[in-house]
Amino acid sequence: MKPDTETKREREKEMVSQMIALYCKKNHHTKGTLCPDCAALTQYARQRSDKCPFMETKTFCSNCAVHCYKPEMREKIRCVMRFSGPRMLFHHPVAAMRHMIETKKEQYRLKGRK
């Protein structure tokens, strides 16, 4: 069963929020709240997801041909993903496994098109 667009959008927003929270906790030593920079990044990422016109056909931003983040924010989210991605398996295992499976499916689907 394929999730509807709004379910995908909410799941993506939740995943990015969890990754930023993990990054902030481990790198900025916050407890239960985000530092101002990470809070701004979370808000920005969620807004980008809300406005994404490709949500119906893409899995995650990393698989999208159009990069809608401003360069500064794109670099920040890249740092977050690089740090939090491997650690998500220990902190949010179900979400991490779902993300890995969906990413592999998307890679397989795109490979079949070529």
PDB file of N, CA and C in Angstrom:
ATOM      1  N   MET A   1       0.839  -1.189   0.000  1.00  0.00           N
ATOM      2  CA  MET A   1       0.000   0.000   0.000  1.00  0.00           C
ATOM      3  C   MET A   1       0.879   1.245   0.000  1.00  0.00           C
ATOM      4  N   LYS A   2       0.653   2.128  -0.925  1.00  0.00           N
ATOM      5  CA  LYS A   2       1.439   3.339  -1.074  1.00  0.00           C
ATOM      6  C   LYS A   2       0.848   4.447  -0.189  1.00  0.00           C
ATOM      7  N   PRO A   3       1.706   5.106   0.619  1.00  0.00           N
ATOM      8  CA  PRO A   3       1.179   6.165   1.476  1.00  0.00           C
ATOM      9  C   PRO A   3       0.741   7.367   0.653  1.00  0.00           C
ATOM     10  N   ASP A   4      -0.296   8.065   1.115  1.00  0.00           N
ATOM     11  CA  ASP A   4      -0.727   9.239   0.381  1.00  0.00           C
ATOM     12  C   ASP A   4       0.282  10.369   0.566  1.00  0.00           C
ATOM     13  N   THR A   5       0.143  11.401  -0.231  1.00  0.00           N
ATOM     14  CA  THR A   5       1.115  12.491  -0.253  1.00  0.00           C
ATOM     15  C   THR A   5       1.252  13.163   1.099  1.00  0.00           C
ATOM     16  N   GLU A   6       0.149  13.412   1.772  1.00  0.00           N
ATOM     17  CA  GLU A   6       0.218  14.093   3.071  1.00  0.00           C
ATOM     18  C   GLU A   6       0.880  13.220   4.130  1.00  0.00           C
ATOM     19  N   THR A   7       0.647  11.923   4.083  1.00  0.00           N
ATOM     20  CA  THR A   7       1.306  11.009   5.022  1.00  0.00           C
ATOM     21  C   THR A   7       2.812  11.024   4.785  1.00  0.00           C
ATOM     22  N   LYS A   8       3.213  10.965   3.516  1.00  0.00           N
ATOM     23  CA  LYS A   8       4.637  11.024   3.173  1.00  0.00           C
ATOM     24  C   LYS A   8       5.250  12.334   3.642  1.00  0.00           C
ATOM     25  N   ARG A   9       4.536  13.426   3.416  1.00  0.00           N
ATOM     26  CA  ARG A   9       5.031  14.750   3.796  1.00  0.00           C
ATOM     27  C   ARG A   9       5.236  14.832   5.312  1.00  0.00           C
ATOM     28  N   GLU A  10       4.258  14.351   6.067  1.00  0.00           N
ATOM     29  CA  GLU A  10       4.366  14.399   7.531  1.00  0.00           C
ATOM     30  C   GLU A  10       5.479  13.481   8.029  1.00  0.00           C
ATOM     31  N   ARG A  11       5.620  12.329   7.402  1.00  0.00           N
ATOM     32  CA  ARG A  11       6.670  11.396   7.811  1.00  0.00           C
ATOM     33  C   ARG A  11       8.055  11.982   7.517  1.00  0.00           C
ATOM     34  N   GLU A  12       8.202  12.634   6.372  1.00  0.00           N
ATOM     35  CA  GLU A  12       9.474  13.268   6.032  1.00  0.00           C
ATOM     36  C   GLU A  12       9.785  14.407   6.999  1.00  0.00           C
ATOM     37  N   LYS A  13       8.778  15.204   7.333  1.00  0.00           N
ATOM     38  CA  LYS A  13       8.994  16.312   8.272  1.00  0.00           C
ATOM     39  C   LYS A  13       9.376  15.787   9.650  1.00  0.00           C
ATOM     40  N   GLU A  14       8.750  14.701  10.068  1.00  0.00           N
ATOM     41  CA  GLU A  14       9.074  14.111  11.371  1.00  0.00           C
ATOM     42  C   GLU A  14      10.495  13.551  11.374  1.00  0.00           C
ATOM     43  N   MET A  15      10.879  12.902  10.288  1.00  0.00           N
ATOM     44  CA  MET A  15      12.228  12.330  10.190  1.00  0.00           C
ATOM     45  C   MET A  15      13.285  13.426  10.259  1.00  0.00           C
ATOM     46  N   VAL A  16      13.112  14.491   9.501  1.00  0.00           N
ATOM     47  CA  VAL A  16      14.110  15.560   9.501  1.00  0.00           C
ATOM     48  C   VAL A  16      14.149  16.247  10.868  1.00  0.00           C
ATOM     49  N   SER A  17      13.010  16.388  11.510  1.00  0.00           N
ATOM     50  CA  SER A  17      12.969  16.989  12.850  1.00  0.00           C
ATOM     51  C   SER A  17      13.720  16.126  13.856  1.00  0.00           C
ATOM     52  N   GLN A  18      13.541  14.810  13.768  1.00  0.00           N
ATOM     53  CA  GLN A  18      14.243  13.895  14.665  1.00  0.00           C
ATOM     54  C   GLN A  18      15.752  13.949  14.427  1.00  0.00           C
ATOM     55  N   MET A  19      16.148  14.030  13.172  1.00  0.00           N
ATOM     56  CA  MET A  19      17.576  14.070  12.848  1.00  0.00           C
ATOM     57  C   MET A  19      18.220  15.365  13.353  1.00  0.00           C
ATOM     58  N   ILE A  20      17.519  16.476  13.191  1.00  0.00           N
ATOM     59  CA  ILE A  20      18.048  17.754  13.672  1.00  0.00           C
ATOM     60  C   ILE A  20      18.112  17.754  15.195  1.00  0.00           C
ATOM     61  N   ALA A  21      17.090  17.205  15.854  1.00  0.00           N
ATOM     62  CA  ALA A  21      17.082  17.137  17.322  1.00  0.00           C
ATOM     63  C   ALA A  21      18.255  16.300  17.836  1.00  0.00           C
ATOM     64  N   LEU A  22      18.530  15.178  17.191  1.00  0.00           N
ATOM     65  CA  LEU A  22      19.650  14.325  17.580  1.00  0.00           C
ATOM     66  C   LEU A  22      20.973  15.069  17.386  1.00  0.00           C
ATOM     67  N   TYR A  23      21.115  15.709  16.255  1.00  0.00           N
ATOM     68  CA  TYR A  23      22.320  16.488  15.967  1.00  0.00           C
ATOM     69  C   TYR A  23      22.532  17.572  17.023  1.00  0.00           C
ATOM     70  N   CYS A  24      21.478  18.309  17.323  1.00  0.00           N
ATOM     71  CA  CYS A  24      21.570  19.412  18.285  1.00  0.00           C
ATOM     72  C   CYS A  24      21.934  18.896  19.684  1.00  0.00           C
ATOM     73  N   LYS A  25      21.284  17.821  20.087  1.00  0.00           N
ATOM     74  CA  LYS A  25      21.549  17.252  21.408  1.00  0.00           C
ATOM     75  C   LYS A  25      23.010  16.826  21.552  1.00  0.00           C
ATOM     76  N   LYS A  26      23.527  16.161  20.529  1.00  0.00           N
ATOM     77  CA  LYS A  26      24.883  15.610  20.609  1.00  0.00           C
ATOM     78  C   LYS A  26      25.978  16.641  20.325  1.00  0.00           C
ATOM     79  N   ASN A  27      25.690  17.639  19.490  1.00  0.00           N
ATOM     80  CA  ASN A  27      26.716  18.603  19.108  1.00  0.00           C
ATOM     81  C   ASN A  27      26.631  19.936  19.853  1.00  0.00           C
ATOM     82  N   HIS A  28      25.420  20.316  20.230  1.00  0.00           N
ATOM     83  CA  HIS A  28      25.242  21.591  20.926  1.00  0.00           C
ATOM     84  C   HIS A  28      24.875  21.384  22.392  1.00  0.00           C
ATOM     85  N   HIS A  29      24.808  20.123  22.789  1.00  0.00           N
ATOM     86  CA  HIS A  29      24.583  19.724  24.187  1.00  0.00           C
ATOM     87  C   HIS A  29      23.313  20.330  24.787  1.00  0.00           C
ATOM     88  N   THR A  30      22.247  20.311  23.996  1.00  0.00           N
ATOM     89  CA  THR A  30      20.957  20.790  24.480  1.00  0.00           C
ATOM     90  C   THR A  30      20.209  19.627  25.116  1.00  0.00           C
ATOM     91  N   LYS A  31      19.291  19.946  25.961  1.00  0.00           N
ATOM     92  CA  LYS A  31      18.479  18.923  26.631  1.00  0.00           C
ATOM     93  C   LYS A  31      16.998  19.282  26.482  1.00  0.00           C
ATOM     94  N   GLY A  32      16.298  18.525  25.669  1.00  0.00           N
ATOM     95  CA  GLY A  32      14.854  18.700  25.526  1.00  0.00           C
ATOM     96  C   GLY A  32      14.417  19.881  24.685  1.00  0.00           C
ATOM     97  N   THR A  33      15.332  20.694  24.228  1.00  0.00           N
ATOM     98  CA  THR A  33      14.990  21.838  23.383  1.00  0.00           C
ATOM     99  C   THR A  33      16.102  22.045  22.360  1.00  0.00           C
ATOM    100  N   LEU A  34      15.789  22.720  21.284  1.00  0.00           N
ATOM    101  CA  LEU A  34      16.782  22.971  20.245  1.00  0.00           C
ATOM    102  C   LEU A  34      17.442  24.328  20.460  1.00  0.00           C
ATOM    103  N   CYS A  35      18.693  24.434  20.046  1.00  0.00           N
ATOM    104  CA  CYS A  35      19.348  25.736  20.051  1.00  0.00           C
ATOM    105  C   CYS A  35      18.672  26.593  18.965  1.00  0.00           C
ATOM    106  N   PRO A  36      18.854  27.897  18.995  1.00  0.00           N
ATOM    107  CA  PRO A  36      18.198  28.757  17.992  1.00  0.00           C
ATOM    108  C   PRO A  36      18.530  28.397  16.541  1.00  0.00           C
ATOM    109  N   ASP A  37      19.790  28.043  16.254  1.00  0.00           N
ATOM    110  CA  ASP A  37      20.164  27.675  14.880  1.00  0.00           C
ATOM    111  C   ASP A  37      19.451  26.411  14.416  1.00  0.00           C
ATOM    112  N   CYS A  38      19.402  25.408  15.275  1.00  0.00           N
ATOM    113  CA  CYS A  38      18.745  24.148  14.908  1.00  0.00           C
ATOM    114  C   CYS A  38      17.228  24.315  14.833  1.00  0.00           C
ATOM    115  N   ALA A  39      16.666  25.157  15.687  1.00  0.00           N
ATOM    116  CA  ALA A  39      15.224  25.433  15.619  1.00  0.00           C
ATOM    117  C   ALA A  39      14.887  26.109  14.291  1.00  0.00           C
ATOM    118  N   ALA A  40      15.741  27.049  13.856  1.00  0.00           N
ATOM    119  CA  ALA A  40      15.521  27.725  12.573  1.00  0.00           C
ATOM    120  C   ALA A  40      15.661  26.742  11.410  1.00  0.00           C
ATOM    121  N   LEU A  41      16.629  25.844  11.492  1.00  0.00           N
ATOM    122  CA  LEU A  41      16.817  24.838  10.444  1.00  0.00           C
ATOM    123  C   LEU A  41      15.615  23.899  10.374  1.00  0.00           C
ATOM    124  N   THR A  42      15.101  23.497  11.518  1.00  0.00           N
ATOM    125  CA  THR A  42      13.921  22.632  11.557  1.00  0.00           C
ATOM    126  C   THR A  42      12.730  23.326  10.903  1.00  0.00           C
ATOM    127  N   GLN A  43      12.507  24.565  11.283  1.00  0.00           N
ATOM    128  CA  GLN A  43      11.388  25.324  10.718  1.00  0.00           C
ATOM    129  C   GLN A  43      11.556  25.465   9.198  1.00  0.00           C
ATOM    130  N   TYR A  44      12.760  25.767   8.751  1.00  0.00           N
ATOM    131  CA  TYR A  44      13.040  25.928   7.330  1.00  0.00           C
ATOM    132  C   TYR A  44      12.797  24.618   6.577  1.00  0.00           C
ATOM    133  N   ALA A  45      13.312  23.522   7.105  1.00  0.00           N
ATOM    134  CA  ALA A  45      13.154  22.216   6.451  1.00  0.00           C
ATOM    135  C   ALA A  45      11.681  21.819   6.366  1.00  0.00           C
ATOM    136  N   ARG A  46      10.934  22.083   7.411  1.00  0.00           N
ATOM    137  CA  ARG A  46       9.508  21.748   7.414  1.00  0.00           C
ATOM    138  C   ARG A  46       8.745  22.612   6.406  1.00  0.00           C
ATOM    139  N   GLN A  47       9.122  23.886   6.294  1.00  0.00           N
ATOM    140  CA  GLN A  47       8.479  24.767   5.309  1.00  0.00           C
ATOM    141  C   GLN A  47       8.779  24.293   3.890  1.00  0.00           C
ATOM    142  N   ARG A  48      10.023  23.891   3.640  1.00  0.00           N
ATOM    143  CA  ARG A  48      10.401  23.394   2.316  1.00  0.00           C
ATOM    144  C   ARG A  48       9.578  22.160   1.972  1.00  0.00           C
ATOM    145  N   SER A  49       9.395  21.284   2.934  1.00  0.00           N
ATOM    146  CA  SER A  49       8.613  20.075   2.711  1.00  0.00           C
ATOM    147  C   SER A  49       7.147  20.420   2.436  1.00  0.00           C
ATOM    148  N   ASP A  50       6.617  21.393   3.162  1.00  0.00           N
ATOM    149  CA  ASP A  50       5.224  21.818   2.952  1.00  0.00           C
ATOM    150  C   ASP A  50       4.999  22.341   1.543  1.00  0.00           C
ATOM    151  N   LYS A  51       6.002  22.969   0.968  1.00  0.00           N
ATOM    152  CA  LYS A  51       5.862  23.596  -0.348  1.00  0.00           C
ATOM    153  C   LYS A  51       6.332  22.710  -1.503  1.00  0.00           C
ATOM    154  N   CYS A  52       6.790  21.523  -1.195  1.00  0.00           N
ATOM    155  CA  CYS A  52       7.361  20.655  -2.226  1.00  0.00           C
ATOM    156  C   CYS A  52       6.295  20.197  -3.228  1.00  0.00           C
ATOM    157  N   PRO A  53       6.486  20.535  -4.517  1.00  0.00           N
ATOM    158  CA  PRO A  53       5.521  20.107  -5.528  1.00  0.00           C
ATOM    159  C   PRO A  53       5.756  18.667  -6.008  1.00  0.00           C
ATOM    160  N   PHE A  54       6.873  18.063  -5.618  1.00  0.00           N
ATOM    161  CA  PHE A  54       7.235  16.725  -6.094  1.00  0.00           C
ATOM    162  C   PHE A  54       6.972  15.631  -5.071  1.00  0.00           C
ATOM    163  N   MET A  55       6.318  15.954  -3.974  1.00  0.00           N
ATOM    164  CA  MET A  55       6.129  15.012  -2.872  1.00  0.00           C
ATOM    165  C   MET A  55       5.445  13.725  -3.337  1.00  0.00           C
ATOM    166  N   GLU A  56       4.580  13.829  -4.304  1.00  0.00           N
ATOM    167  CA  GLU A  56       3.834  12.655  -4.768  1.00  0.00           C
ATOM    168  C   GLU A  56       4.743  11.619  -5.433  1.00  0.00           C
ATOM    169  N   THR A  57       5.808  12.075  -6.092  1.00  0.00           N
ATOM    170  CA  THR A  57       6.631  11.153  -6.867  1.00  0.00           C
ATOM    171  C   THR A  57       7.996  10.856  -6.261  1.00  0.00           C
ATOM    172  N   LYS A  58       8.457  11.658  -5.321  1.00  0.00           N
ATOM    173  CA  LYS A  58       9.794  11.423  -4.760  1.00  0.00           C
ATOM    174  C   LYS A  58       9.700  10.723  -3.417  1.00  0.00           C
ATOM    175  N   THR A  59      10.817  10.169  -2.990  1.00  0.00           N
ATOM    176  CA  THR A  59      10.837   9.580  -1.656  1.00  0.00           C
ATOM    177  C   THR A  59      11.398  10.582  -0.654  1.00  0.00           C
ATOM    178  N   PHE A  60      12.618  11.053  -0.871  1.00  0.00           N
ATOM    179  CA  PHE A  60      13.252  11.987   0.054  1.00  0.00           C
ATOM    180  C   PHE A  60      13.955  13.081  -0.727  1.00  0.00           C
ATOM    181  N   CYS A  61      14.254  14.168  -0.076  1.00  0.00           N
ATOM    182  CA  CYS A  61      14.917  15.300  -0.729  1.00  0.00           C
ATOM    183  C   CYS A  61      16.222  14.884  -1.407  1.00  0.00           C
ATOM    184  N   SER A  62      16.926  13.955  -0.807  1.00  0.00           N
ATOM    185  CA  SER A  62      18.208  13.526  -1.391  1.00  0.00           C
ATOM    186  C   SER A  62      18.020  12.880  -2.759  1.00  0.00           C
ATOM    187  N   ASN A  63      16.825  12.381  -3.053  1.00  0.00           N
ATOM    188  CA  ASN A  63      16.545  11.751  -4.345  1.00  0.00           C
ATOM    189  C   ASN A  63      15.916  12.709  -5.353  1.00  0.00           C
ATOM    190  N   CYS A  64      15.766  13.960  -4.973  1.00  0.00           N
ATOM    191  CA  CYS A  64      15.068  14.936  -5.813  1.00  0.00           C
ATOM    192  C   CYS A  64      16.045  15.622  -6.766  1.00  0.00           C
ATOM    193  N   ALA A  65      15.610  15.852  -7.994  1.00  0.00           N
ATOM    194  CA  ALA A  65      16.451  16.531  -8.983  1.00  0.00           C
ATOM    195  C   ALA A  65      16.513  18.038  -8.719  1.00  0.00           C
ATOM    196  N   VAL A  66      15.517  18.584  -8.052  1.00  0.00           N
ATOM    197  CA  VAL A  66      15.458  20.012  -7.755  1.00  0.00           C
ATOM    198  C   VAL A  66      15.837  20.221  -6.295  1.00  0.00           C
ATOM    199  N   HIS A  67      16.864  21.029  -6.062  1.00  0.00           N
ATOM    200  CA  HIS A  67      17.280  21.314  -4.687  1.00  0.00           C
ATOM    201  C   HIS A  67      16.795  22.707  -4.322  1.00  0.00           C
ATOM    202  N   CYS A  68      15.780  22.766  -3.492  1.00  0.00           N
ATOM    203  CA  CYS A  68      15.110  24.027  -3.195  1.00  0.00           C
ATOM    204  C   CYS A  68      15.657  24.729  -1.948  1.00  0.00           C
ATOM    205  N   TYR A  69      16.616  24.129  -1.266  1.00  0.00           N
ATOM    206  CA  TYR A  69      17.210  24.764  -0.093  1.00  0.00           C
ATOM    207  C   TYR A  69      18.184  25.853  -0.534  1.00  0.00           C
ATOM    208  N   LYS A  70      18.226  26.946   0.227  1.00  0.00           N
ATOM    209  CA  LYS A  70      19.250  27.967   0.005  1.00  0.00           C
ATOM    210  C   LYS A  70      20.602  27.312   0.287  1.00  0.00           C
ATOM    211  N   PRO A  71      21.667  27.742  -0.390  1.00  0.00           N
ATOM    212  CA  PRO A  71      22.981  27.095  -0.205  1.00  0.00           C
ATOM    213  C   PRO A  71      23.421  26.984   1.254  1.00  0.00           C
ATOM    214  N   GLU A  72      23.220  28.018   2.046  1.00  0.00           N
ATOM    215  CA  GLU A  72      23.628  27.983   3.459  1.00  0.00           C
ATOM    216  C   GLU A  72      22.849  26.914   4.231  1.00  0.00           C
ATOM    217  N   MET A  73      21.554  26.860   4.004  1.00  0.00           N
ATOM    218  CA  MET A  73      20.717  25.873   4.691  1.00  0.00           C
ATOM    219  C   MET A  73      20.996  24.471   4.165  1.00  0.00           C
ATOM    220  N   ARG A  74      21.305  24.373   2.904  1.00  0.00           N
ATOM    221  CA  ARG A  74      21.612  23.069   2.321  1.00  0.00           C
ATOM    222  C   ARG A  74      22.872  22.482   2.966  1.00  0.00           C
ATOM    223  N   GLU A  75      23.855  23.329   3.197  1.00  0.00           N
ATOM    224  CA  GLU A  75      25.085  22.861   3.839  1.00  0.00           C
ATOM    225  C   GLU A  75      24.815  22.449   5.291  1.00  0.00           C
ATOM    226  N   LYS A  76      23.974  23.203   5.973  1.00  0.00           N
ATOM    227  CA  LYS A  76      23.634  22.863   7.360  1.00  0.00           C
ATOM    228  C   LYS A  76      22.907  21.521   7.424  1.00  0.00           C
ATOM    229  N   ILE A  77      21.944  21.319   6.535  1.00  0.00           N
ATOM    230  CA  ILE A  77      21.174  20.070   6.574  1.00  0.00           C
ATOM    231  C   ILE A  77      22.069  18.902   6.165  1.00  0.00           C
ATOM    232  N   ARG A  78      23.032  19.152   5.293  1.00  0.00           N
ATOM    233  CA  ARG A  78      23.981  18.115   4.911  1.00  0.00           C
ATOM    234  C   ARG A  78      24.795  17.650   6.121  1.00  0.00           C
ATOM    235  N   CYS A  79      25.250  18.609   6.924  1.00  0.00           N
ATOM    236  CA  CYS A  79      26.010  18.279   8.149  1.00  0.00           C
ATOM    237  C   CYS A  79      25.148  17.462   9.107  1.00  0.00           C
ATOM    238  N   VAL A  80      23.897  17.869   9.251  1.00  0.00           N
ATOM    239  CA  VAL A  80      22.970  17.144  10.127  1.00  0.00           C
ATOM    240  C   VAL A  80      22.786  15.722   9.634  1.00  0.00           C
ATOM    241  N   MET A  81      22.537  15.556   8.337  1.00  0.00           N
ATOM    242  CA  MET A  81      22.295  14.229   7.769  1.00  0.00           C
ATOM    243  C   MET A  81      23.530  13.339   7.906  1.00  0.00           C
ATOM    244  N   ARG A  82      24.686  13.908   7.645  1.00  0.00           N
ATOM    245  CA  ARG A  82      25.932  13.150   7.748  1.00  0.00           C
ATOM    246  C   ARG A  82      26.148  12.649   9.170  1.00  0.00           C
ATOM    247  N   PHE A  83      25.836  13.485  10.144  1.00  0.00           N
ATOM    248  CA  PHE A  83      26.013  13.102  11.542  1.00  0.00           C
ATOM    249  C   PHE A  83      24.900  12.164  12.015  1.00  0.00           C
ATOM    250  N   SER A  84      23.661  12.567  11.794  1.00  0.00           N
ATOM    251  CA  SER A  84      22.516  11.853  12.378  1.00  0.00           C
ATOM    252  C   SER A  84      22.138  10.584  11.644  1.00  0.00           C
ATOM    253  N   GLY A  85      22.364  10.543  10.346  1.00  0.00           N
ATOM    254  CA  GLY A  85      21.954   9.380   9.553  1.00  0.00           C
ATOM    255  C   GLY A  85      22.376   8.050  10.148  1.00  0.00           C
ATOM    256  N   PRO A  86      23.676   7.834  10.373  1.00  0.00           N
ATOM    257  CA  PRO A  86      24.113   6.554  10.933  1.00  0.00           C
ATOM    258  C   PRO A  86      23.611   6.303  12.354  1.00  0.00           C
ATOM    259  N   ARG A  87      23.366   7.355  13.108  1.00  0.00           N
ATOM    260  CA  ARG A  87      22.949   7.211  14.508  1.00  0.00           C
ATOM    261  C   ARG A  87      21.442   6.974  14.670  1.00  0.00           C
ATOM    262  N   MET A  88      20.682   7.254  13.626  1.00  0.00           N
ATOM    263  CA  MET A  88      19.228   7.100  13.707  1.00  0.00           C
ATOM    264  C   MET A  88      18.834   5.652  13.986  1.00  0.00           C
ATOM    265  N   LEU A  89      19.626   4.722  13.522  1.00  0.00           N
ATOM    266  CA  LEU A  89      19.327   3.305  13.741  1.00  0.00           C
ATOM    267  C   LEU A  89      19.260   2.971  15.230  1.00  0.00           C
ATOM    268  N   PHE A  90      20.041   3.668  16.034  1.00  0.00           N
ATOM    269  CA  PHE A  90      20.062   3.426  17.477  1.00  0.00           C
ATOM    270  C   PHE A  90      19.026   4.260  18.238  1.00  0.00           C
ATOM    271  N   HIS A  91      18.685   5.432  17.706  1.00  0.00           N
ATOM    272  CA  HIS A  91      17.778   6.338  18.408  1.00  0.00           C
ATOM    273  C   HIS A  91      16.325   6.211  17.941  1.00  0.00           C
ATOM    274  N   HIS A  92      16.126   5.953  16.668  1.00  0.00           N
ATOM    275  CA  HIS A  92      14.783   5.799  16.089  1.00  0.00           C
ATOM    276  C   HIS A  92      14.831   4.647  15.085  1.00  0.00           C
ATOM    277  N   PRO A  93      14.968   3.410  15.564  1.00  0.00           N
ATOM    278  CA  PRO A  93      15.217   2.283  14.656  1.00  0.00           C
ATOM    279  C   PRO A  93      14.119   2.025  13.631  1.00  0.00           C
ATOM    280  N   VAL A  94      12.861   2.161  13.997  1.00  0.00           N
ATOM    281  CA  VAL A  94      11.777   1.881  13.042  1.00  0.00           C
ATOM    282  C   VAL A  94      11.799   2.903  11.913  1.00  0.00           C
ATOM    283  N   ALA A  95      11.925   4.174  12.275  1.00  0.00           N
ATOM    284  CA  ALA A  95      11.972   5.229  11.257  1.00  0.00           C
ATOM    285  C   ALA A  95      13.199   5.058  10.372  1.00  0.00           C
ATOM    286  N   ALA A  96      14.325   4.703  10.963  1.00  0.00           N
ATOM    287  CA  ALA A  96      15.563   4.522  10.196  1.00  0.00           C
ATOM    288  C   ALA A  96      15.436   3.364   9.213  1.00  0.00           C
ATOM    289  N   MET A  97      14.868   2.267   9.652  1.00  0.00           N
ATOM    290  CA  MET A  97      14.694   1.110   8.763  1.00  0.00           C
ATOM    291  C   MET A  97      13.729   1.441   7.623  1.00  0.00           C
ATOM    292  N   ARG A  98      12.643   2.111   7.937  1.00  0.00           N
ATOM    293  CA  ARG A  98      11.682   2.511   6.900  1.00  0.00           C
ATOM    294  C   ARG A  98      12.382   3.404   5.876  1.00  0.00           C
ATOM    295  N   HIS A  99      13.174   4.351   6.361  1.00  0.00           N
ATOM    296  CA  HIS A  99      13.899   5.271   5.490  1.00  0.00           C
ATOM    297  C   HIS A  99      14.861   4.509   4.569  1.00  0.00           C
ATOM    298  N   MET A 100      15.607   3.565   5.133  1.00  0.00           N
ATOM    299  CA  MET A 100      16.556   2.786   4.327  1.00  0.00           C
ATOM    300  C   MET A 100      15.835   1.956   3.270  1.00  0.00           C
ATOM    301  N   ILE A 101      14.736   1.328   3.638  1.00  0.00           N
ATOM    302  CA  ILE A 101      13.976   0.497   2.688  1.00  0.00           C
ATOM    303  C   ILE A 101      13.415   1.352   1.558  1.00  0.00           C
ATOM    304  N   GLU A 102      12.815   2.487   1.915  1.00  0.00           N
ATOM    305  CA  GLU A 102      12.239   3.361   0.888  1.00  0.00           C
ATOM    306  C   GLU A 102      13.321   3.932  -0.026  1.00  0.00           C
ATOM    307  N   THR A 103      14.481   4.250   0.527  1.00  0.00           N
ATOM    308  CA  THR A 103      15.584   4.766  -0.283  1.00  0.00           C
ATOM    309  C   THR A 103      16.060   3.703  -1.267  1.00  0.00           C
ATOM    310  N   LYS A 104      16.226   2.473  -0.803  1.00  0.00           N
ATOM    311  CA  LYS A 104      16.662   1.378  -1.687  1.00  0.00           C
ATOM    312  C   LYS A 104      15.633   1.120  -2.784  1.00  0.00           C
ATOM    313  N   LYS A 105      14.346   1.155  -2.438  1.00  0.00           N
ATOM    314  CA  LYS A 105      13.293   0.963  -3.439  1.00  0.00           C
ATOM    315  C   LYS A 105      13.363   2.048  -4.508  1.00  0.00           C
ATOM    316  N   GLU A 106      13.575   3.289  -4.067  1.00  0.00           N
ATOM    317  CA  GLU A 106      13.657   4.410  -4.996  1.00  0.00           C
ATOM    318  C   GLU A 106      14.882   4.276  -5.888  1.00  0.00           C
ATOM    319  N   GLN A 107      16.012   3.883  -5.338  1.00  0.00           N
ATOM    320  CA  GLN A 107      17.222   3.683  -6.135  1.00  0.00           C
ATOM    321  C   GLN A 107      16.996   2.579  -7.176  1.00  0.00           C
ATOM    322  N   TYR A 108      16.337   1.518  -6.781  1.00  0.00           N
ATOM    323  CA  TYR A 108      16.034   0.415  -7.694  1.00  0.00           C
ATOM    324  C   TYR A 108      15.093   0.879  -8.795  1.00  0.00           C
ATOM    325  N   ARG A 109      14.085   1.655  -8.412  1.00  0.00           N
ATOM    326  CA  ARG A 109      13.108   2.167  -9.382  1.00  0.00           C
ATOM    327  C   ARG A 109      13.791   3.082 -10.395  1.00  0.00           C
ATOM    328  N   LEU A 110      14.657   3.979  -9.924  1.00  0.00           N
ATOM    329  CA  LEU A 110      15.354   4.894 -10.814  1.00  0.00           C
ATOM    330  C   LEU A 110      16.343   4.161 -11.712  1.00  0.00           C
ATOM    331  N   LYS A 111      16.967   3.128 -11.193  1.00  0.00           N
ATOM    332  CA  LYS A 111      17.920   2.335 -11.968  1.00  0.00           C
ATOM    333  C   LYS A 111      17.200   1.626 -13.119  1.00  0.00           C
ATOM    334  N   GLY A 112      15.975   1.192 -12.890  1.00  0.00           N
ATOM    335  CA  GLY A 112      15.183   0.513 -13.913  1.00  0.00           C
ATOM    336  C   GLY A 112      14.773   1.412 -15.044  1.00  0.00           C
ATOM    337  N   ARG A 113      14.720   2.733 -14.810  1.00  0.00           N
ATOM    338  CA  ARG A 113      14.338   3.691 -15.844  1.00  0.00           C
ATOM    339  C   ARG A 113      15.431   3.913 -16.871  1.00  0.00           C
ATOM    340  N   LYS A 114      16.684   3.745 -16.460  1.00  0.00           N
ATOM    341  CA  LYS A 114      17.801   4.088 -17.347  1.00  0.00           C
ATOM    342  C   LYS A 114      18.006   3.090 -18.430  1.00  0.00           C
TER     343      LYS A 114
END
